[in-house]
Amino acid sequence: MSQRDKAYKDAGVDIQAGNTFVSRIKSLVASTYTKGVVNDIGGFGGLFKPSMSMFNDPVLVASTDGVGTKLKLAFLFDRHDTVGIDLVAMSVNDIIVQGARPLFFLDYFATGKLDIDKAEAVIKGIVDGCKEAQCALIGGETAEMPDFYAEGEYDLSGFCVGMVDNDKVVDGSSIGVGDLIIGLGSSGVHSNGYSLVRKLYSQSGLAPDDTFPGTDKTVAEVLLTPTRIYVEAVRNVMRDWEIHGMVHVTGGGFYDNIVRVLPKGVTAQIRFGSWKVPPVFEWLRSEGKLSWEEMLQIFNTGIGYIMVVKKDVVVDVVHRLGALKQDAWVIGEIVERADGEEQVRIDFPTPASDNCE
């Protein structure tokens, strides 16, 4: 350590550790590079030159998000290799809703004291997510801020930029009565609702390595299962069929997300029970004594992404998704909206207000 670094290290910031970290992740980051990447990590900004031959009238689409309090469980379980996938998923799934192709991603990793091994595990997850999303990780920021975070904790933010042709933007405006709603299966809780998940877990008496009820996986594996990335499935379907609207089911569940793409004169009528609900949601409902209506307001409840298509293509689209090993079900239809009616109506086979005993 040089004398130039000593004063800063005495204050709690280890510049050499930061440099070591960058050198360790350099090859990982480079493994995500696509043809558009112009420079290596380490510059003040990431450079990306998109191939304009793919677009006629290009529009940039951008999104930013984090992982939220799911990180608290990563700290508790001391498992850090999946939250990076969550970080990528939350942004790329948002931009593909509008038909965009993800181009590049940047991350922000902040902590009180840099633990190189832990940070490298997080970045490895980000790299895995970028590869799955077919976008390049072209830069980021690692911030070491003593006394700002609790010992062993960190925070994450992600930023994704994509591109779509102006005449191919999917905004829901073409959704009409008679269209059918396809639900794509989630991998689990994804990255929303974890304040409640953590509360119910803390009350349950379960340990991280216990077998999670209804599964052959551990509690830690189930609760830290990363958010599914839908890029490949969406781009594949869009090549052959027109999608009238898409929804990333995140915070606010069905009720607050589906309405974001619906024209004012229609209602999305969802048939609860038309898809397979993963065991984690059965457990959350029982543990929290929640109604299914409450569950669908908080969680994705097994449907992480939604496509709205014309009736005459729905069978082909569902078959294509199955061929891509993506669970998919026809979960509802678009109907005419009655005066004063909510735009998302969920039909339950049993009364939705009955709480679990």
Protein backbone atom coordinates (compact mmCIF):
# COMPACT_ATOMS: atom_id res chain seq x y z
CA MET A 1 0.00 0.00 0.00
CA SER A 2 1.39 3.41 -0.95
CA GLN A 3 1.42 6.34 1.44
CA ARG A 4 -1.13 7.98 -0.89
CA ASP A 5 -3.65 5.26 -0.01
CA LYS A 6 -3.00 5.15 3.73
CA ALA A 7 -5.21 8.02 4.85
CA TYR A 8 -8.20 6.75 2.88
CA LYS A 9 -7.75 3.19 4.17
CA ASP A 10 -7.55 4.51 7.72
CA ALA A 11 -10.94 6.11 7.05
CA GLY A 12 -12.34 2.73 6.00
CA VAL A 13 -11.93 2.72 2.19
CA ASP A 14 -9.46 0.24 0.67
CA ILE A 15 -8.54 1.47 -2.81
CA GLN A 16 -6.31 -1.55 -3.42
CA ALA A 17 -9.18 -3.93 -2.65
CA GLY A 18 -11.29 -2.10 -5.21
CA ASN A 19 -8.56 -2.44 -7.84
CA THR A 20 -8.16 -6.14 -7.03
CA PHE A 21 -11.89 -6.63 -7.38
CA VAL A 22 -11.96 -4.99 -10.82
CA SER A 23 -9.10 -7.18 -12.02
CA ARG A 24 -10.90 -10.32 -10.79
CA ILE A 25 -14.18 -9.55 -12.56
CA LYS A 26 -12.70 -8.24 -15.80
CA SER A 27 -12.85 -11.57 -17.65
CA LEU A 28 -16.33 -12.27 -16.29
CA VAL A 29 -17.63 -8.98 -17.63
CA ALA A 30 -15.87 -9.47 -20.98
CA SER A 31 -17.71 -12.78 -21.44
CA THR A 32 -20.97 -10.80 -21.89
CA TYR A 33 -19.64 -8.58 -24.66
CA THR A 34 -21.59 -8.42 -27.90
CA LYS A 35 -20.54 -6.86 -31.21
CA GLY A 36 -21.70 -3.43 -30.11
CA VAL A 37 -19.26 -3.07 -27.21
CA VAL A 38 -16.56 -0.51 -28.02
CA ASN A 39 -14.46 -0.26 -24.84
CA ASP A 40 -13.42 -2.41 -21.89
CA ILE A 41 -14.44 -1.76 -18.28
CA GLY A 42 -12.40 0.83 -16.41
CA GLY A 43 -13.32 3.92 -18.41
CA PHE A 44 -15.50 6.75 -17.14
CA GLY A 45 -18.37 5.52 -19.29
CA GLY A 46 -19.28 2.45 -21.28
CA LEU A 47 -19.36 2.80 -25.07
CA PHE A 48 -21.81 0.84 -27.19
CA LYS A 49 -22.42 1.13 -30.94
CA PRO A 50 -25.68 -0.60 -31.92
CA SER A 51 -26.08 -2.11 -35.38
CA MET A 52 -28.58 0.19 -37.07
CA SER A 53 -29.11 -2.42 -39.82
CA MET A 54 -31.54 -4.15 -37.46
CA PHE A 55 -33.77 -1.07 -37.15
CA ASN A 56 -35.58 1.29 -39.52
CA ASP A 57 -36.80 3.94 -37.08
CA PRO A 58 -35.14 3.09 -33.74
CA VAL A 59 -36.41 4.17 -30.34
CA LEU A 60 -34.36 3.76 -27.16
CA VAL A 61 -36.07 2.10 -24.20
CA ALA A 62 -34.49 2.29 -20.73
CA SER A 63 -35.29 0.94 -17.29
CA THR A 64 -33.73 0.90 -13.83
CA ASP A 65 -34.53 -1.22 -10.80
CA GLY A 66 -33.07 -3.01 -7.80
CA VAL A 67 -33.58 -6.27 -5.93
CA GLY A 68 -35.29 -4.79 -2.88
CA THR A 69 -35.46 -6.48 0.49
CA LYS A 70 -34.81 -9.89 -1.03
CA LEU A 71 -31.21 -8.87 -0.35
CA LYS A 72 -31.93 -9.19 3.37
CA LEU A 73 -32.44 -12.92 2.90
CA ALA A 74 -29.23 -13.16 0.87
CA PHE A 75 -27.42 -11.60 3.84
CA LEU A 76 -29.21 -13.85 6.32
CA PHE A 77 -28.51 -17.02 4.36
CA ASP A 78 -25.04 -15.79 3.24
CA ARG A 79 -25.78 -16.72 -0.37
CA HIS A 80 -24.95 -14.14 -3.00
CA ASP A 81 -24.73 -15.95 -6.35
CA THR A 82 -28.33 -15.42 -7.53
CA VAL A 83 -29.30 -11.85 -6.62
CA GLY A 84 -27.33 -10.54 -9.58
CA ILE A 85 -29.65 -12.49 -11.89
CA ASP A 86 -32.59 -10.84 -10.12
CA LEU A 87 -31.03 -7.45 -10.75
CA VAL A 88 -30.76 -7.99 -14.49
CA ALA A 89 -34.18 -9.61 -14.75
CA MET A 90 -36.05 -6.75 -13.13
CA SER A 91 -34.84 -4.27 -15.76
CA VAL A 92 -34.70 -6.40 -18.91
CA ASN A 93 -38.17 -7.85 -18.31
CA ASP A 94 -39.49 -4.28 -18.07
CA ILE A 95 -38.11 -3.14 -21.43
CA ILE A 96 -39.13 -6.24 -23.40
CA VAL A 97 -42.73 -5.44 -22.39
CA GLN A 98 -42.52 -2.66 -24.96
CA GLY A 99 -40.96 -4.92 -27.56
CA ALA A 100 -37.39 -3.71 -27.06
CA ARG A 101 -34.27 -5.75 -27.59
CA PRO A 102 -31.89 -5.34 -24.60
CA LEU A 103 -28.54 -3.91 -25.71
CA PHE A 104 -26.47 -3.21 -22.62
CA PHE A 105 -26.61 -3.18 -18.83
CA LEU A 106 -24.82 -1.31 -16.04
CA ASP A 107 -24.75 -2.12 -12.34
CA TYR A 108 -24.23 -0.22 -9.09
CA PHE A 109 -22.85 -2.15 -6.11
CA ALA A 110 -22.56 -0.25 -2.81
CA THR A 111 -21.30 -1.55 0.53
CA GLY A 112 -19.74 -0.39 3.77
CA LYS A 113 -16.60 -2.50 3.44
CA LEU A 114 -15.77 -4.34 0.23
CA ASP A 115 -15.74 -8.13 0.60
CA ILE A 116 -14.12 -9.17 -2.68
CA ASP A 117 -15.38 -12.76 -2.66
CA LYS A 118 -18.94 -11.74 -1.88
CA ALA A 119 -18.92 -8.94 -4.47
CA GLU A 120 -17.48 -11.28 -7.10
CA ALA A 121 -20.33 -13.76 -6.46
CA VAL A 122 -22.85 -10.96 -7.01
CA ILE A 123 -21.18 -9.85 -10.25
CA LYS A 124 -21.07 -13.47 -11.45
CA GLY A 125 -24.86 -13.51 -11.08
CA ILE A 126 -25.14 -10.26 -13.04
CA VAL A 127 -22.97 -11.77 -15.77
CA ASP A 128 -25.17 -14.89 -15.89
CA GLY A 129 -28.26 -12.70 -16.14
CA CYS A 130 -26.79 -10.60 -18.94
CA LYS A 131 -25.88 -13.69 -20.93
CA GLU A 132 -29.40 -15.04 -20.57
CA ALA A 133 -30.85 -11.66 -21.54
CA GLN A 134 -28.48 -11.45 -24.53
CA CYS A 135 -27.13 -8.05 -23.53
CA ALA A 136 -23.67 -6.76 -22.65
CA LEU A 137 -22.49 -5.65 -19.22
CA ILE A 138 -20.51 -2.57 -20.25
CA GLY A 139 -19.79 -0.94 -16.91
CA GLY A 140 -20.88 -0.14 -13.40
CA GLU A 141 -19.87 1.38 -10.11
CA THR A 142 -18.50 -0.21 -6.96
CA ALA A 143 -18.90 2.16 -4.01
CA GLU A 144 -17.29 1.51 -0.63
CA MET A 145 -18.96 3.73 1.97
CA PRO A 146 -17.93 3.09 5.59
CA ASP A 147 -20.65 3.47 8.24
CA PHE A 148 -23.38 3.77 5.58
CA TYR A 149 -24.39 0.10 5.50
CA ALA A 150 -24.58 -2.52 8.21
CA GLU A 151 -21.63 -4.91 8.38
CA GLY A 152 -21.78 -7.53 5.63
CA GLU A 153 -24.60 -5.79 3.74
CA TYR A 154 -24.72 -4.13 0.32
CA ASP A 155 -27.22 -2.65 -2.10
CA LEU A 156 -27.71 -3.13 -5.82
CA SER A 157 -29.15 -1.11 -8.67
CA GLY A 158 -29.28 -1.99 -12.34
CA PHE A 159 -29.75 0.01 -15.52
CA CYS A 160 -30.69 -1.44 -18.92
CA VAL A 161 -30.98 0.20 -22.34
CA GLY A 162 -32.63 -1.44 -25.33
CA MET A 163 -33.97 -0.53 -28.72
CA VAL A 164 -37.12 -1.14 -30.76
CA ASP A 165 -38.43 0.08 -34.10
CA ASN A 166 -40.97 2.85 -33.62
CA ASP A 167 -43.66 0.97 -35.55
CA LYS A 168 -43.08 -2.16 -33.45
CA VAL A 169 -43.46 -0.60 -30.00
CA VAL A 170 -45.87 -2.71 -27.95
CA ASP A 171 -47.96 -0.34 -25.84
CA GLY A 172 -51.29 -2.14 -25.44
CA SER A 173 -53.18 0.27 -27.71
CA SER A 174 -54.16 -2.56 -30.09
CA ILE A 175 -55.68 -4.73 -27.31
CA GLY A 176 -59.33 -5.39 -28.09
CA VAL A 177 -62.35 -7.38 -26.99
CA GLY A 178 -61.89 -11.05 -27.81
CA ASP A 179 -58.11 -11.11 -27.37
CA LEU A 180 -56.81 -13.88 -25.14
CA ILE A 181 -54.40 -13.57 -22.24
CA ILE A 182 -51.41 -15.93 -21.98
CA GLY A 183 -49.63 -16.28 -18.65
CA LEU A 184 -45.97 -17.33 -18.57
CA GLY A 185 -44.92 -19.23 -15.48
CA SER A 186 -42.70 -17.58 -12.88
CA SER A 187 -39.75 -19.26 -11.20
CA GLY A 188 -41.11 -18.36 -7.77
CA VAL A 189 -41.57 -15.14 -5.82
CA HIS A 190 -39.14 -13.27 -8.12
CA SER A 191 -38.12 -9.95 -6.47
CA ASN A 192 -41.29 -8.40 -5.07
CA GLY A 193 -43.19 -8.83 -1.83
CA TYR A 194 -40.13 -9.72 0.22
CA SER A 195 -40.96 -7.50 3.17
CA LEU A 196 -43.92 -9.84 3.75
CA VAL A 197 -41.94 -12.96 2.78
CA ARG A 198 -39.27 -12.13 5.36
CA LYS A 199 -41.86 -11.48 8.04
CA LEU A 200 -43.59 -14.82 7.40
CA TYR A 201 -40.27 -16.66 7.23
CA SER A 202 -39.16 -15.20 10.57
CA GLN A 203 -42.41 -16.38 12.16
CA SER A 204 -42.32 -19.87 10.63
CA GLY A 205 -39.51 -21.46 12.65
CA LEU A 206 -37.93 -22.81 9.45
CA ALA A 207 -34.16 -22.88 9.04
CA PRO A 208 -32.36 -22.08 5.75
CA ASP A 209 -31.36 -25.70 5.13
CA ASP A 210 -34.75 -27.19 6.04
CA THR A 211 -36.76 -28.69 3.19
CA PHE A 212 -39.28 -26.15 1.99
CA PRO A 213 -42.88 -27.43 2.35
CA GLY A 214 -44.18 -29.07 -0.84
CA THR A 215 -40.76 -29.21 -2.51
CA ASP A 216 -37.50 -31.16 -2.48
CA LYS A 217 -35.46 -27.95 -2.17
CA THR A 218 -34.18 -26.09 0.85
CA VAL A 219 -35.79 -22.97 2.24
CA ALA A 220 -32.84 -20.88 1.08
CA GLU A 221 -33.02 -22.30 -2.45
CA VAL A 222 -36.74 -21.60 -2.77
CA LEU A 223 -36.74 -18.11 -1.29
CA LEU A 224 -33.64 -17.04 -3.24
CA THR A 225 -34.69 -18.58 -6.57
CA PRO A 226 -33.82 -15.83 -9.06
CA THR A 227 -36.36 -13.96 -11.15
CA ARG A 228 -37.02 -15.59 -14.51
CA ILE A 229 -35.71 -13.73 -17.54
CA TYR A 230 -38.24 -13.77 -20.39
CA VAL A 231 -36.13 -12.21 -23.15
CA GLU A 232 -35.62 -15.32 -25.30
CA ALA A 233 -39.28 -16.37 -25.09
CA VAL A 234 -40.61 -12.91 -25.94
CA ARG A 235 -38.22 -12.23 -28.79
CA ASN A 236 -38.91 -15.66 -30.29
CA VAL A 237 -42.68 -15.16 -30.24
CA MET A 238 -42.43 -11.60 -31.60
CA ARG A 239 -40.55 -12.83 -34.67
CA ASP A 240 -43.62 -14.72 -35.88
CA TRP A 241 -46.72 -13.22 -34.27
CA GLU A 242 -48.04 -9.83 -33.29
CA ILE A 243 -48.40 -9.31 -29.55
CA HIS A 244 -51.01 -6.71 -28.64
CA GLY A 245 -49.80 -6.12 -25.10
CA MET A 246 -47.37 -7.46 -22.51
CA VAL A 247 -47.05 -7.21 -18.74
CA HIS A 248 -44.18 -7.85 -16.35
CA VAL A 249 -45.94 -8.94 -13.15
CA THR A 250 -43.98 -7.19 -10.40
CA GLY A 251 -44.93 -5.18 -7.31
CA GLY A 252 -48.70 -4.76 -7.13
CA GLY A 253 -49.30 -8.19 -8.64
CA PHE A 254 -52.08 -8.72 -11.16
CA TYR A 255 -54.28 -5.80 -10.18
CA ASP A 256 -51.73 -2.98 -10.49
CA ASN A 257 -49.69 -4.25 -13.45
CA ILE A 258 -52.16 -5.57 -16.03
CA VAL A 259 -54.12 -2.31 -15.95
CA ARG A 260 -51.00 -0.42 -17.10
CA VAL A 261 -51.37 -1.73 -20.68
CA LEU A 262 -55.15 -1.84 -21.07
CA PRO A 263 -57.16 0.64 -23.17
CA LYS A 264 -59.87 2.36 -21.10
CA GLY A 265 -62.80 0.51 -22.65
CA VAL A 266 -61.77 -3.07 -21.85
CA THR A 267 -61.37 -5.37 -18.86
CA ALA A 268 -58.96 -8.25 -18.40
CA GLN A 269 -60.98 -11.19 -17.11
CA ILE A 270 -58.65 -13.70 -15.45
CA ARG A 271 -59.62 -17.26 -14.51
CA PHE A 272 -57.86 -18.16 -11.29
CA GLY A 273 -57.00 -21.85 -11.31
CA SER A 274 -56.09 -21.89 -15.01
CA TRP A 275 -52.39 -22.14 -14.16
CA LYS A 276 -50.23 -24.12 -11.75
CA VAL A 277 -49.51 -22.23 -8.54
CA PRO A 278 -46.03 -23.11 -7.16
CA PRO A 279 -45.83 -24.45 -3.57
CA VAL A 280 -44.14 -21.29 -2.27
CA PHE A 281 -47.34 -19.31 -2.83
CA GLU A 282 -49.49 -21.96 -1.16
CA TRP A 283 -47.15 -21.70 1.83
CA LEU A 284 -47.20 -17.89 1.88
CA ARG A 285 -51.00 -17.86 1.75
CA SER A 286 -51.32 -20.38 4.56
CA GLU A 287 -48.59 -18.86 6.74
CA GLY A 288 -49.96 -15.35 6.31
CA LYS A 289 -53.65 -16.34 6.49
CA LEU A 290 -54.22 -14.46 3.24
CA SER A 291 -56.98 -14.69 0.67
CA TRP A 292 -56.06 -15.45 -2.93
CA GLU A 293 -57.27 -11.96 -3.81
CA GLU A 294 -54.70 -10.54 -1.38
CA MET A 295 -52.03 -12.83 -2.81
CA LEU A 296 -52.71 -11.57 -6.34
CA GLN A 297 -52.38 -7.98 -5.16
CA ILE A 298 -48.93 -8.63 -3.65
CA PHE A 299 -47.25 -11.46 -5.58
CA ASN A 300 -47.00 -12.83 -9.11
CA THR A 301 -48.59 -16.04 -7.70
CA GLY A 302 -47.03 -18.19 -10.42
CA ILE A 303 -47.43 -15.90 -13.45
CA GLY A 304 -44.40 -13.68 -14.00
CA TYR A 305 -45.18 -12.34 -17.46
CA ILE A 306 -48.29 -11.89 -19.60
CA MET A 307 -48.93 -11.68 -23.34
CA VAL A 308 -52.19 -10.54 -24.94
CA VAL A 309 -52.73 -11.92 -28.46
CA LYS A 310 -55.46 -12.48 -31.01
CA LYS A 311 -57.57 -15.58 -30.44
CA ASP A 312 -56.56 -17.22 -33.72
CA VAL A 313 -52.85 -17.37 -32.82
CA VAL A 314 -53.06 -18.32 -29.15
CA VAL A 315 -52.61 -22.07 -29.67
CA ASP A 316 -49.51 -21.54 -31.81
CA VAL A 317 -47.99 -19.12 -29.32
CA VAL A 318 -48.55 -21.44 -26.35
CA HIS A 319 -47.04 -24.35 -28.29
CA ARG A 320 -44.00 -22.23 -29.19
CA LEU A 321 -43.49 -21.23 -25.57
CA GLY A 322 -43.70 -24.88 -24.56
CA ALA A 323 -41.04 -25.77 -27.12
CA LEU A 324 -38.85 -23.14 -25.47
CA LYS A 325 -39.42 -24.93 -22.14
CA GLN A 326 -41.46 -22.00 -20.86
CA ASP A 327 -44.64 -22.96 -18.99
CA ALA A 328 -47.58 -21.05 -20.43
CA TRP A 329 -51.35 -21.14 -20.04
CA VAL A 330 -54.34 -19.29 -21.47
CA ILE A 331 -55.46 -17.58 -18.27
CA GLY A 332 -58.15 -15.19 -19.45
CA GLU A 333 -59.61 -12.93 -22.10
CA ILE A 334 -60.27 -9.30 -22.88
CA VAL A 335 -63.92 -8.30 -22.49
CA GLU A 336 -65.88 -5.10 -22.80
CA ARG A 337 -65.66 -2.97 -19.68
CA ALA A 338 -68.87 -2.19 -17.80
CA ASP A 339 -69.41 1.30 -16.37
CA GLY A 340 -67.46 1.75 -13.15
CA GLU A 341 -65.89 -1.71 -13.36
CA GLU A 342 -62.27 -2.36 -12.40
CA GLN A 343 -60.12 -3.14 -15.40
CA VAL A 344 -58.78 -6.35 -13.90
CA ARG A 345 -61.39 -8.89 -12.84
CA ILE A 346 -60.35 -12.24 -11.42
CA ASP A 347 -62.89 -15.04 -11.32
CA PHE A 348 -62.33 -17.46 -8.44
CA PRO A 349 -63.76 -20.99 -8.23
CA THR A 350 -64.32 -20.39 -4.48
CA PRO A 351 -64.96 -17.16 -2.58
CA ALA A 352 -61.76 -15.07 -2.74
CA SER A 353 -62.34 -13.45 0.62
CA ASP A 354 -62.15 -16.65 2.65
CA ASN A 355 -58.91 -16.63 4.59
CA CYS A 356 -56.95 -19.75 5.36
CA GLU A 357 -57.54 -21.19 8.81
